[in-house]
Amino acid sequence: MAVLPKPPFEGTCLCGSVQVSMTAPPLLTLACHCRDCQKLCASAYSLTTMFPSDSFSCSGELIKGGLGSSGRTHYFCRSCLNFVYSQIGGADQRINLRTSVLSEAASFEPFVELMTDEKMPWADVPAVHSFSQYPESLDELQALMDDYSKR
């Protein structure tokens, strides 16, 4: 696992019109192999870095998209349509930032991979934890975040 840089963290969308910054360390890093993420990201999986919502700020014009994902709101740059972050219904205390928008994206290696039942057979990630679906409970998610914080 790469050594994480210290906060604050910054990043932008592809065209630079949307800027993000976070003042706290990430809660967790993830690779999701579900078909929705494959389609939303036009890739074999999505990369997410989860941050506390109260540490996150975003400027620039965003639009909502990815409406096929129930219980999730996905935000994209209005100008370049880069997928920037998601908010999960009922989890207002955290945001799921697309790792690729971070200036130091290579430092945020996935700690957990999800939905491996749907993964492309050739798509491997160096995650410490792997789930065929999602973690079973909020307690299990919290245990993953606790484990991640010890790195």
C-alpha atoms as a PDB file:
ATOM      1  CA  MET A   1       0.000   0.000   0.000  1.00  0.00           C
ATOM      2  CA  ALA A   2       1.207   3.476  -0.882  1.00  0.00           C
ATOM      3  CA  VAL A   3       1.838   5.982   1.888  1.00  0.00           C
ATOM      4  CA  LEU A   4      -0.964   8.531   1.852  1.00  0.00           C
ATOM      5  CA  PRO A   5      -0.139  12.211   1.624  1.00  0.00           C
ATOM      6  CA  LYS A   6      -1.443  14.382   4.471  1.00  0.00           C
ATOM      7  CA  PRO A   7      -4.510  16.615   4.137  1.00  0.00           C
ATOM      8  CA  PRO A   8      -5.555  18.933   2.697  1.00  0.00           C
ATOM      9  CA  PHE A   9      -6.230  17.165  -0.588  1.00  0.00           C
ATOM     10  CA  GLU A  10      -7.223  18.880  -3.801  1.00  0.00           C
ATOM     11  CA  GLY A  11      -8.350  17.928  -7.265  1.00  0.00           C
ATOM     12  CA  THR A  12     -10.209  18.995 -10.385  1.00  0.00           C
ATOM     13  CA  CYS A  13     -12.357  17.589 -13.123  1.00  0.00           C
ATOM     14  CA  LEU A  14     -10.871  17.016 -16.574  1.00  0.00           C
ATOM     15  CA  CYS A  15     -11.383  20.609 -17.753  1.00  0.00           C
ATOM     16  CA  GLY A  16     -10.610  22.238 -14.394  1.00  0.00           C
ATOM     17  CA  SER A  17     -14.019  23.934 -14.051  1.00  0.00           C
ATOM     18  CA  VAL A  18     -14.853  21.942 -10.910  1.00  0.00           C
ATOM     19  CA  GLN A  19     -12.427  22.032  -7.991  1.00  0.00           C
ATOM     20  CA  VAL A  20     -12.635  19.833  -4.902  1.00  0.00           C
ATOM     21  CA  SER A  21     -10.787  20.002  -1.611  1.00  0.00           C
ATOM     22  CA  MET A  22     -10.847  17.875   1.518  1.00  0.00           C
ATOM     23  CA  THR A  23      -9.430  18.823   4.913  1.00  0.00           C
ATOM     24  CA  ALA A  24      -9.579  15.357   6.550  1.00  0.00           C
ATOM     25  CA  PRO A  25      -7.938  12.033   5.751  1.00  0.00           C
ATOM     26  CA  PRO A  26      -9.981   9.592   3.655  1.00  0.00           C
ATOM     27  CA  LEU A  27     -12.284   7.168   5.437  1.00  0.00           C
ATOM     28  CA  LEU A  28     -11.752   4.365   2.913  1.00  0.00           C
ATOM     29  CA  THR A  29     -10.630   3.680  -0.650  1.00  0.00           C
ATOM     30  CA  LEU A  30     -12.605   1.331  -2.881  1.00  0.00           C
ATOM     31  CA  ALA A  31     -12.776  -0.299  -6.283  1.00  0.00           C
ATOM     32  CA  CYS A  32     -16.313  -1.255  -7.328  1.00  0.00           C
ATOM     33  CA  HIS A  33     -16.784  -3.840 -10.065  1.00  0.00           C
ATOM     34  CA  CYS A  34     -20.598  -3.571 -10.386  1.00  0.00           C
ATOM     35  CA  ARG A  35     -22.067  -3.171 -13.855  1.00  0.00           C
ATOM     36  CA  ASP A  36     -23.455   0.284 -12.986  1.00  0.00           C
ATOM     37  CA  CYS A  37     -19.955   1.533 -12.094  1.00  0.00           C
ATOM     38  CA  GLN A  38     -18.490  -0.104 -15.192  1.00  0.00           C
ATOM     39  CA  LYS A  39     -20.975   1.817 -17.330  1.00  0.00           C
ATOM     40  CA  LEU A  40     -20.776   5.114 -15.395  1.00  0.00           C
ATOM     41  CA  CYS A  41     -16.970   5.152 -15.543  1.00  0.00           C
ATOM     42  CA  ALA A  42     -16.558   3.495 -18.961  1.00  0.00           C
ATOM     43  CA  SER A  43     -14.077   1.172 -17.305  1.00  0.00           C
ATOM     44  CA  ALA A  44     -13.762  -2.243 -15.692  1.00  0.00           C
ATOM     45  CA  TYR A  45     -14.391  -0.681 -12.256  1.00  0.00           C
ATOM     46  CA  SER A  46     -14.761   2.643 -10.488  1.00  0.00           C
ATOM     47  CA  LEU A  47     -12.274   4.001  -7.975  1.00  0.00           C
ATOM     48  CA  THR A  48     -13.679   5.796  -4.939  1.00  0.00           C
ATOM     49  CA  THR A  49     -12.047   7.663  -2.097  1.00  0.00           C
ATOM     50  CA  MET A  50     -14.545   8.189   0.702  1.00  0.00           C
ATOM     51  CA  PHE A  51     -14.262  11.391   2.769  1.00  0.00           C
ATOM     52  CA  PRO A  52     -16.261  12.888   5.641  1.00  0.00           C
ATOM     53  CA  SER A  53     -18.811  15.286   4.128  1.00  0.00           C
ATOM     54  CA  ASP A  54     -17.898  18.063   6.539  1.00  0.00           C
ATOM     55  CA  SER A  55     -14.305  18.020   5.233  1.00  0.00           C
ATOM     56  CA  PHE A  56     -15.382  18.264   1.572  1.00  0.00           C
ATOM     57  CA  SER A  57     -15.852  21.407  -0.482  1.00  0.00           C
ATOM     58  CA  CYS A  58     -16.589  21.730  -4.154  1.00  0.00           C
ATOM     59  CA  SER A  59     -16.756  24.730  -6.457  1.00  0.00           C
ATOM     60  CA  GLY A  60     -17.887  24.919 -10.054  1.00  0.00           C
ATOM     61  CA  GLU A  61     -21.078  23.923 -11.820  1.00  0.00           C
ATOM     62  CA  LEU A  62     -22.267  20.370 -11.305  1.00  0.00           C
ATOM     63  CA  ILE A  63     -25.132  18.402 -12.811  1.00  0.00           C
ATOM     64  CA  LYS A  64     -26.757  15.215 -11.578  1.00  0.00           C
ATOM     65  CA  GLY A  65     -26.500  12.099 -13.711  1.00  0.00           C
ATOM     66  CA  GLY A  66     -26.261   8.338 -13.614  1.00  0.00           C
ATOM     67  CA  LEU A  67     -29.935   8.060 -12.811  1.00  0.00           C
ATOM     68  CA  GLY A  68     -29.913   4.260 -13.166  1.00  0.00           C
ATOM     69  CA  SER A  69     -28.353   3.889  -9.712  1.00  0.00           C
ATOM     70  CA  SER A  70     -31.061   3.677  -7.077  1.00  0.00           C
ATOM     71  CA  GLY A  71     -30.343   5.468  -3.781  1.00  0.00           C
ATOM     72  CA  ARG A  72     -27.307   7.302  -5.147  1.00  0.00           C
ATOM     73  CA  THR A  73     -26.886  10.798  -6.524  1.00  0.00           C
ATOM     74  CA  HIS A  74     -23.984  11.190  -8.923  1.00  0.00           C
ATOM     75  CA  TYR A  75     -22.467  14.603  -9.693  1.00  0.00           C
ATOM     76  CA  PHE A  76     -20.698  15.498 -12.936  1.00  0.00           C
ATOM     77  CA  CYS A  77     -18.957  18.641 -14.194  1.00  0.00           C
ATOM     78  CA  ARG A  78     -21.440  20.600 -16.318  1.00  0.00           C
ATOM     79  CA  SER A  79     -18.707  21.524 -18.794  1.00  0.00           C
ATOM     80  CA  CYS A  80     -16.669  18.342 -19.431  1.00  0.00           C
ATOM     81  CA  LEU A  81     -19.136  15.829 -17.907  1.00  0.00           C
ATOM     82  CA  ASN A  82     -16.365  14.269 -15.783  1.00  0.00           C
ATOM     83  CA  PHE A  83     -17.842  12.083 -13.006  1.00  0.00           C
ATOM     84  CA  VAL A  84     -16.772  13.906  -9.800  1.00  0.00           C
ATOM     85  CA  TYR A  85     -18.508  12.350  -6.782  1.00  0.00           C
ATOM     86  CA  SER A  86     -21.525  10.497  -5.416  1.00  0.00           C
ATOM     87  CA  GLN A  87     -23.723  10.915  -2.384  1.00  0.00           C
ATOM     88  CA  ILE A  88     -25.344   7.766  -0.991  1.00  0.00           C
ATOM     89  CA  GLY A  89     -28.871   8.103   0.378  1.00  0.00           C
ATOM     90  CA  GLY A  90     -28.871   7.780   4.173  1.00  0.00           C
ATOM     91  CA  ALA A  91     -25.107   8.347   4.389  1.00  0.00           C
ATOM     92  CA  ASP A  92     -24.971  12.138   4.434  1.00  0.00           C
ATOM     93  CA  GLN A  93     -21.917  12.075   6.709  1.00  0.00           C
ATOM     94  CA  ARG A  94     -19.646  10.949   3.858  1.00  0.00           C
ATOM     95  CA  ILE A  95     -19.109  11.494   0.132  1.00  0.00           C
ATOM     96  CA  ASN A  96     -17.668   9.125  -2.447  1.00  0.00           C
ATOM     97  CA  LEU A  97     -15.166  11.069  -4.519  1.00  0.00           C
ATOM     98  CA  ARG A  98     -13.937   9.629  -7.810  1.00  0.00           C
ATOM     99  CA  THR A  99     -10.294   8.981  -6.988  1.00  0.00           C
ATOM    100  CA  SER A 100      -9.172  10.061 -10.459  1.00  0.00           C
ATOM    101  CA  VAL A 101     -10.036  13.711  -9.787  1.00  0.00           C
ATOM    102  CA  LEU A 102      -7.501  13.909  -6.935  1.00  0.00           C
ATOM    103  CA  SER A 103      -4.226  15.641  -7.745  1.00  0.00           C
ATOM    104  CA  GLU A 104      -2.336  12.773  -6.098  1.00  0.00           C
ATOM    105  CA  ALA A 105      -4.677  10.011  -7.305  1.00  0.00           C
ATOM    106  CA  ALA A 106      -1.922   7.382  -7.518  1.00  0.00           C
ATOM    107  CA  SER A 107      -1.495   7.591  -3.728  1.00  0.00           C
ATOM    108  CA  PHE A 108      -5.038   6.352  -3.059  1.00  0.00           C
ATOM    109  CA  GLU A 109      -4.741   2.629  -3.784  1.00  0.00           C
ATOM    110  CA  PRO A 110      -7.997   0.680  -3.279  1.00  0.00           C
ATOM    111  CA  PHE A 111      -8.170  -0.933   0.169  1.00  0.00           C
ATOM    112  CA  VAL A 112     -11.471  -2.706  -0.556  1.00  0.00           C
ATOM    113  CA  GLU A 113     -12.964  -4.135  -3.732  1.00  0.00           C
ATOM    114  CA  LEU A 114     -16.720  -4.629  -4.041  1.00  0.00           C
ATOM    115  CA  MET A 115     -19.038  -6.567  -6.316  1.00  0.00           C
ATOM    116  CA  THR A 116     -16.406  -9.059  -7.462  1.00  0.00           C
ATOM    117  CA  ASP A 117     -19.223 -11.325  -8.682  1.00  0.00           C
ATOM    118  CA  GLU A 118     -19.579  -8.825 -11.559  1.00  0.00           C
ATOM    119  CA  LYS A 119     -15.915  -8.065 -12.178  1.00  0.00           C
ATOM    120  CA  MET A 120     -14.249  -8.502 -15.530  1.00  0.00           C
ATOM    121  CA  PRO A 121     -12.133 -11.659 -15.277  1.00  0.00           C
ATOM    122  CA  TRP A 122      -8.946  -9.773 -16.223  1.00  0.00           C
ATOM    123  CA  ALA A 123      -9.487  -6.786 -13.890  1.00  0.00           C
ATOM    124  CA  ASP A 124      -7.286  -7.161 -10.826  1.00  0.00           C
ATOM    125  CA  VAL A 125      -6.788  -4.595  -8.068  1.00  0.00           C
ATOM    126  CA  PRO A 126      -4.432  -4.832  -5.080  1.00  0.00           C
ATOM    127  CA  ALA A 127      -7.195  -4.510  -2.449  1.00  0.00           C
ATOM    128  CA  VAL A 128      -6.672  -5.880   1.054  1.00  0.00           C
ATOM    129  CA  HIS A 129     -10.367  -6.799   1.427  1.00  0.00           C
ATOM    130  CA  SER A 130     -12.627  -8.289  -1.227  1.00  0.00           C
ATOM    131  CA  PHE A 131     -16.419  -8.719  -1.272  1.00  0.00           C
ATOM    132  CA  SER A 132     -18.533 -10.608  -3.784  1.00  0.00           C
ATOM    133  CA  GLN A 133     -21.287  -8.037  -3.175  1.00  0.00           C
ATOM    134  CA  TYR A 134     -21.325  -5.200  -0.588  1.00  0.00           C
ATOM    135  CA  PRO A 135     -20.425  -5.373   3.108  1.00  0.00           C
ATOM    136  CA  GLU A 136     -23.326  -6.955   4.981  1.00  0.00           C
ATOM    137  CA  SER A 137     -23.931  -4.160   7.489  1.00  0.00           C
ATOM    138  CA  LEU A 138     -22.963  -0.675   8.611  1.00  0.00           C
ATOM    139  CA  ASP A 139     -20.937  -2.329  11.382  1.00  0.00           C
ATOM    140  CA  GLU A 140     -18.916  -4.214   8.766  1.00  0.00           C
ATOM    141  CA  LEU A 141     -18.380  -0.981   6.807  1.00  0.00           C
ATOM    142  CA  GLN A 142     -17.272   0.754  10.015  1.00  0.00           C
ATOM    143  CA  ALA A 143     -14.819  -2.091  10.741  1.00  0.00           C
ATOM    144  CA  LEU A 144     -13.313  -1.589   7.256  1.00  0.00           C
ATOM    145  CA  MET A 145     -12.986   2.149   7.862  1.00  0.00           C
ATOM    146  CA  ASP A 146     -11.384   1.459  11.259  1.00  0.00           C
ATOM    147  CA  ASP A 147      -8.917  -0.986   9.657  1.00  0.00           C
ATOM    148  CA  TYR A 148      -8.116   1.524   6.912  1.00  0.00           C
ATOM    149  CA  SER A 149      -7.460   4.302   9.461  1.00  0.00           C
ATOM    150  CA  LYS A 150      -4.701   2.191  11.049  1.00  0.00           C
ATOM    151  CA  ARG A 151      -2.550   2.283   7.923  1.00  0.00           C
END
